[in-house]
Protein backbone atom coordinates (compact mmCIF):
# COMPACT_ATOMS: atom_id res chain seq x y z
CA UNK A 1 65.91 95.82 -46.75
CA UNK A 2 68.36 97.01 -44.03
CA UNK A 3 71.11 94.09 -43.07
CA UNK A 4 70.09 93.64 -39.94
CA UNK A 5 66.35 92.44 -41.43
CA UNK A 6 68.50 90.18 -42.44
CA UNK A 7 70.35 87.39 -40.57
CA UNK A 8 72.44 85.20 -41.43
CA UNK A 9 73.70 81.93 -38.88
CA UNK A 10 76.36 80.03 -39.25
CA UNK A 11 75.45 76.22 -36.71
CA UNK A 12 77.75 73.75 -36.75
CA UNK A 13 78.68 74.78 -40.08
CA UNK A 14 76.07 74.98 -41.78
CA UNK A 15 74.24 78.51 -42.81
CA UNK A 16 71.39 79.44 -43.10
CA UNK A 17 69.64 82.67 -44.35
CA UNK A 18 66.43 84.11 -42.98
CA UNK A 19 64.45 87.60 -41.77
CA UNK A 20 65.07 89.11 -37.64
CA UNK A 21 61.10 88.86 -37.88
CA UNK A 22 60.72 84.69 -37.97
CA UNK A 23 63.45 84.32 -35.17
CA UNK A 24 61.16 86.76 -33.45
CA UNK A 25 58.28 84.68 -33.37
CA UNK A 26 58.49 83.87 -29.98
CA UNK A 27 59.72 86.72 -28.34
CA UNK A 28 60.81 84.97 -25.56
CA UNK A 29 63.35 83.07 -27.21
CA UNK A 30 67.21 82.57 -26.67
CA UNK A 31 67.23 83.95 -30.86
CA UNK A 32 64.90 86.80 -30.44
CA UNK A 33 67.18 87.69 -27.83
CA UNK A 34 70.09 86.90 -30.55
CA UNK A 35 68.59 89.43 -32.84
CA UNK A 36 68.70 92.36 -30.26
CA UNK A 37 72.52 91.17 -28.73
CA UNK A 38 71.66 90.50 -26.32
CA UNK A 39 72.83 87.13 -25.49
CA UNK A 40 76.62 87.15 -25.41
CA UNK A 41 77.12 82.71 -26.18
CA UNK A 42 75.54 83.94 -29.74
CA UNK A 43 78.68 85.68 -31.28
CA UNK A 44 78.68 88.37 -33.87
CA UNK A 45 81.48 87.36 -36.04
CA UNK A 46 81.83 88.65 -39.97
CA UNK A 47 78.41 88.97 -40.42
CA UNK A 48 76.84 86.38 -38.76
CA UNK A 49 75.91 84.91 -35.48
CA UNK A 50 77.58 82.13 -34.93
CA UNK A 51 76.01 79.39 -32.49
CA UNK A 52 78.10 75.96 -32.57
CA UNK A 53 75.06 73.24 -32.78
CA UNK A 54 73.84 71.26 -34.09
CA UNK A 55 72.89 72.48 -37.81
CA UNK A 56 70.80 69.78 -38.78
CA UNK A 57 68.32 69.64 -36.18
CA UNK A 58 68.43 73.68 -36.30
CA UNK A 59 66.40 73.04 -40.10
CA UNK A 60 64.09 71.53 -38.21
CA UNK A 61 64.01 75.36 -35.93
CA UNK A 62 63.72 77.19 -38.97
CA UNK A 63 60.37 75.23 -40.16
CA UNK A 64 59.12 75.43 -37.19
CA UNK A 65 59.76 79.54 -37.67
CA UNK A 66 58.86 80.10 -40.53
CA UNK A 67 55.62 77.14 -40.61
CA UNK A 68 54.21 77.38 -37.13
CA UNK A 69 53.41 73.61 -38.04
CA UNK A 70 56.42 70.76 -36.92
CA UNK A 71 56.60 68.46 -39.84
CA UNK A 72 59.78 65.58 -39.77
CA UNK A 73 60.52 62.83 -42.18
CA UNK A 74 58.84 59.54 -42.06
CA UNK A 75 61.93 58.39 -40.74
CA UNK A 76 63.18 60.34 -37.76
CA UNK A 77 63.79 59.40 -34.71
CA UNK A 78 66.16 61.76 -32.90
CA UNK A 79 63.06 63.44 -30.90
CA UNK A 80 64.56 63.73 -27.37
CA UNK A 81 67.64 65.65 -29.03
CA UNK A 82 65.80 68.19 -31.35
CA UNK A 83 63.36 68.73 -27.95
CA UNK A 84 66.72 69.32 -26.11
CA UNK A 85 67.92 72.39 -29.17
CA UNK A 86 64.79 73.67 -28.74
CA UNK A 87 65.21 73.93 -24.52
CA UNK A 88 68.51 75.54 -25.20
CA UNK A 89 67.26 77.95 -28.19
CA UNK A 90 64.30 78.83 -25.26
CA UNK A 91 61.44 76.96 -27.67
CA UNK A 92 59.81 75.88 -25.19
CA UNK A 93 55.99 75.66 -27.07
CA UNK A 94 58.94 73.34 -29.52
CA UNK A 95 59.78 71.66 -27.49
CA UNK A 96 56.73 70.10 -25.72
CA UNK A 97 55.58 69.29 -28.97
CA UNK A 98 58.25 66.85 -29.17
CA UNK A 99 57.62 65.72 -25.69
CA UNK A 100 54.10 63.87 -27.45
CA UNK A 101 55.81 61.51 -29.44
CA UNK A 102 52.41 60.02 -30.04
CA UNK A 103 51.15 63.00 -31.55
CA UNK A 104 53.76 62.76 -34.49
CA UNK A 105 55.15 59.50 -35.08
CA UNK A 106 53.38 57.98 -38.50
CA UNK A 107 51.88 55.50 -37.39
CA UNK A 108 51.48 51.70 -39.15
CA UNK A 109 48.18 50.91 -41.99
CA UNK A 110 47.45 48.37 -42.95
CA UNK A 111 44.69 47.48 -45.48
CA UNK A 112 43.63 43.98 -46.95
CA UNK A 113 41.90 43.49 -49.84
CA UNK A 114 39.66 40.79 -50.70
CA UNK A 115 39.02 39.32 -54.19
CA UNK A 116 36.88 36.37 -55.29
CA UNK A 117 36.08 35.39 -58.30
CA UNK A 118 32.88 33.86 -58.69
CA UNK A 119 31.95 32.72 -62.82
CA UNK A 120 30.81 35.94 -64.57
CA UNK A 121 31.62 38.61 -61.80
CA UNK A 122 34.50 39.16 -58.93
CA UNK A 123 34.24 40.23 -55.92
CA UNK A 124 35.65 42.89 -53.64
CA UNK A 125 35.97 44.04 -49.95
CA UNK A 126 38.87 46.56 -49.06
CA UNK A 127 39.44 46.21 -45.22
CA UNK A 128 41.62 49.10 -43.79
CA UNK A 129 43.40 50.11 -40.24
CA UNK A 130 42.35 53.80 -41.19
CA UNK A 131 39.02 54.62 -41.75
CA UNK A 132 40.44 58.28 -43.79
CA UNK A 133 42.01 56.26 -46.73
CA UNK A 134 38.88 54.48 -47.09
CA UNK A 135 36.44 57.57 -47.53
CA UNK A 136 39.04 58.21 -50.03
CA UNK A 137 39.32 55.08 -51.12
CA UNK A 138 36.34 55.25 -52.05
CA UNK A 139 36.26 58.79 -53.34
CA UNK A 140 38.57 56.80 -56.20
CA UNK A 141 36.43 53.62 -57.17
CA UNK A 142 32.84 53.93 -59.19
CA UNK A 143 31.35 51.22 -60.14
CA UNK A 144 29.04 51.28 -63.27
CA UNK A 145 25.69 49.66 -64.44
CA UNK A 146 23.55 48.92 -67.81
CA UNK A 147 22.41 46.89 -69.82
CA UNK A 148 23.99 44.37 -73.39
CA UNK A 149 23.49 42.26 -75.15
CA UNK A 150 24.39 38.63 -75.32
CA UNK A 151 27.02 39.52 -78.34
CA UNK A 152 28.90 41.87 -76.78
CA UNK A 153 29.00 42.19 -72.76
CA UNK A 154 33.48 40.98 -72.63
CA UNK A 155 34.05 44.04 -75.02
CA UNK A 156 36.74 46.77 -73.98
CA UNK A 157 34.09 49.10 -74.44
CA UNK A 158 30.68 50.78 -72.54
CA UNK A 159 28.00 49.88 -73.77
CA UNK A 160 26.35 51.57 -75.75
CA UNK A 161 23.13 52.66 -73.74
CA UNK A 162 23.93 54.89 -70.84
CA UNK A 163 25.70 53.73 -67.64
CA UNK A 164 24.00 53.99 -64.29
CA UNK A 165 26.49 55.04 -61.22
CA UNK A 166 25.84 52.42 -58.17
CA UNK A 167 27.03 53.55 -54.64
CA UNK A 168 29.72 51.68 -52.29
CA UNK A 169 28.63 49.30 -50.30
CA UNK A 170 30.26 50.34 -47.07
CA UNK A 171 29.46 47.68 -44.25
CA UNK A 172 31.43 49.58 -41.72
CA UNK A 173 33.72 53.12 -41.54
CA UNK A 174 36.50 50.86 -42.39
CA UNK A 175 35.75 48.52 -45.22
CA UNK A 176 33.65 49.20 -48.28
CA UNK A 177 32.23 46.68 -51.03
CA UNK A 178 31.78 46.17 -55.19
CA UNK A 179 31.92 44.08 -58.25
CA UNK A 180 32.22 43.63 -61.17
CA UNK A 181 31.25 41.06 -64.34
CA UNK A 182 28.33 40.67 -65.50
CA UNK A 183 25.07 38.55 -64.78
CA UNK A 184 21.68 37.14 -67.02
CA UNK A 185 19.13 39.44 -67.01
CA UNK A 186 16.47 38.20 -69.53
CA UNK A 187 17.52 36.63 -72.27
CA UNK A 188 20.38 37.84 -74.53
CA UNK A 189 20.54 41.01 -72.13
CA UNK A 190 23.27 40.83 -69.60
CA UNK A 191 23.34 43.72 -66.89
CA UNK A 192 27.09 44.39 -66.70
CA UNK A 193 29.22 46.24 -64.18
CA UNK A 194 31.88 48.06 -65.05
CA UNK A 195 34.70 49.17 -62.36
CA UNK A 196 36.41 52.75 -62.87
CA UNK A 197 39.03 53.82 -60.36
CA UNK A 198 40.15 58.32 -60.65
CA UNK A 199 42.89 59.06 -62.28
CA UNK A 200 42.16 56.46 -64.58
CA UNK A 201 39.10 57.13 -66.50
CA UNK A 202 38.97 53.29 -68.13
CA UNK A 203 35.84 51.17 -67.42
CA UNK A 204 36.75 48.18 -66.43
CA UNK A 205 34.86 44.37 -66.18
CA UNK A 206 37.24 42.22 -66.06
CA UNK A 207 38.03 41.31 -62.59
CA UNK A 208 41.42 40.71 -62.51
CA UNK A 209 42.35 44.58 -64.99
CA UNK A 210 40.17 45.35 -62.15
CA UNK A 211 42.54 44.52 -58.99
CA UNK A 212 45.59 45.07 -61.00
CA UNK A 213 44.65 49.19 -61.52
CA UNK A 214 43.66 49.24 -57.89
CA UNK A 215 47.36 47.58 -56.37
CA UNK A 216 48.40 50.00 -59.04
CA UNK A 217 47.30 52.72 -57.58
CA UNK A 218 48.28 50.85 -53.82
CA UNK A 219 51.56 51.48 -54.67
CA UNK A 220 50.94 54.40 -56.47
CA UNK A 221 49.93 55.63 -52.96
CA UNK A 222 52.64 54.43 -50.34
CA UNK A 223 51.35 50.79 -49.34
CA UNK A 224 53.08 47.92 -50.45
CA UNK A 225 52.20 44.11 -50.76
CA UNK A 226 53.34 42.05 -47.86
CA UNK A 227 51.84 38.91 -47.76
CA UNK A 228 49.60 36.89 -49.78
CA UNK A 229 47.50 34.38 -48.45
CA UNK A 230 44.46 32.02 -49.89
CA UNK A 231 40.95 32.36 -47.40
CA UNK A 232 39.26 30.49 -48.38
CA UNK A 233 40.24 27.75 -51.44
CA UNK A 234 36.21 26.25 -52.12
CA UNK A 235 35.17 30.33 -52.87
CA UNK A 236 38.56 31.44 -54.28
CA UNK A 237 38.86 33.68 -52.03
CA UNK A 238 42.16 35.42 -52.15
CA UNK A 239 43.65 38.11 -49.50
CA UNK A 240 46.29 40.14 -50.31
CA UNK A 241 47.90 42.94 -47.36
CA UNK A 242 49.29 46.05 -47.51
CA UNK A 243 51.07 48.36 -45.49
CA UNK A 244 52.40 51.16 -45.18
CA UNK A 245 53.83 53.97 -42.37
CA UNK A 246 51.09 56.97 -42.52
CA UNK A 247 52.88 60.62 -41.98
CA UNK A 248 50.11 62.48 -39.14
CA UNK A 249 48.64 65.84 -40.39
CA UNK A 250 50.94 68.09 -39.72
CA UNK A 251 50.41 69.84 -35.57
CA UNK A 252 49.88 73.63 -35.44
CA UNK A 253 50.27 75.89 -32.46
CA UNK A 254 48.53 78.56 -32.18
CA UNK A 255 50.99 81.45 -31.56
CA UNK A 256 49.84 84.78 -29.24
CA UNK A 257 51.64 88.10 -30.72
CA UNK A 258 50.81 90.42 -28.00
CA UNK A 259 54.16 91.63 -26.12
CA UNK A 260 55.99 90.19 -24.54
CA UNK A 261 53.96 87.17 -24.67
CA UNK A 262 56.35 83.58 -25.57
CA UNK A 263 53.25 81.80 -26.96
CA UNK A 264 51.33 78.85 -25.60
CA UNK A 265 51.50 75.34 -27.21
CA UNK A 266 48.37 74.41 -28.31
CA UNK A 267 48.20 71.24 -31.07
CA UNK A 268 46.22 71.60 -33.75
CA UNK A 269 45.98 69.97 -36.71
CA UNK A 270 44.35 72.68 -38.79
CA UNK A 271 45.95 75.88 -39.99
CA UNK A 272 47.80 78.38 -38.36
CA UNK A 273 46.54 81.26 -37.26
CA UNK A 274 47.86 83.82 -35.42
CA UNK A 275 46.46 85.91 -33.15
CA UNK A 276 46.39 89.85 -33.17
C-alpha cells in the first residue's frame, strides 16, 4: 500500500488515520479535494494534513464516512455544531440528516407492569409505549401448562406430564397478558401454569419469582424503575413503571457513486447500499 493510500489527519490536535478512499466517499466534498491537494486550507505538514477544527466532532464524521450511517451516543446534544462541521467539510448529505434531529434523537420509552396476586394465581399485564419492545418481550416470555397432583403442585420442578406452551394474550400491539400459578381441575388434580423468560431456562410457577425475573430482564435491557403504586387495593393490583431512552436505529444514506456525484441524502433505516 502506497503512502498516499493512507491519509493521516490532525484535527484540532486529534490524530486520525484512514484510507484515501474513505475520504473520497463524496467526491465533491472538501475532504475528497484535500486528498488531491485541491484545497489550500488543509495544509500537509510532516506527512499529516493539519485541520484547525473540532477533533472530537470529527470522530463522528469519520464514523459516518466509514459506515455511511449516522450513529450518535444517547446523550449526544451537539447536533447544530456537528451540522456546521459537516457543512464545513462539504458533506451536505450528512448536514441534511443532522438538520432532522427528530430522526436522530433517542426517545423516552415507558413500560408499565401490572401485577395481581389472587389466591393461587398471579396475573401480569405489561403495557409499553413502544410496540416493538412488547413484541420482543412476547418472544422472550413463554407460558407452559400441565396437570399435576395436589401433592406436588408447588414443586419447583416441572410436572412429570409434558408441559404445553400457551399463546400469550395480546389485547393490542402495546400490551400483553399472562398468568402463572395453579387452579383446581378435578379431584386432587391441578392445572399448573409456569412462566419462562429467555435467556433464563427456568420454568417458574411462583408469581413473585416471575416478577423478580421480569424485573431483572428489564433492568438488563436498559430500563430503570421510576415508580411503584397500588392501582386497586381491593384486587391487590400493583403497578410498576419503568423508563429508558430508546436509541434510534442507525440512519443509512444511499450513495450514488457515479463520477462527480456528491451523493443524495435519503435516510433509510436499513443496510447501506452503494450504487455502482
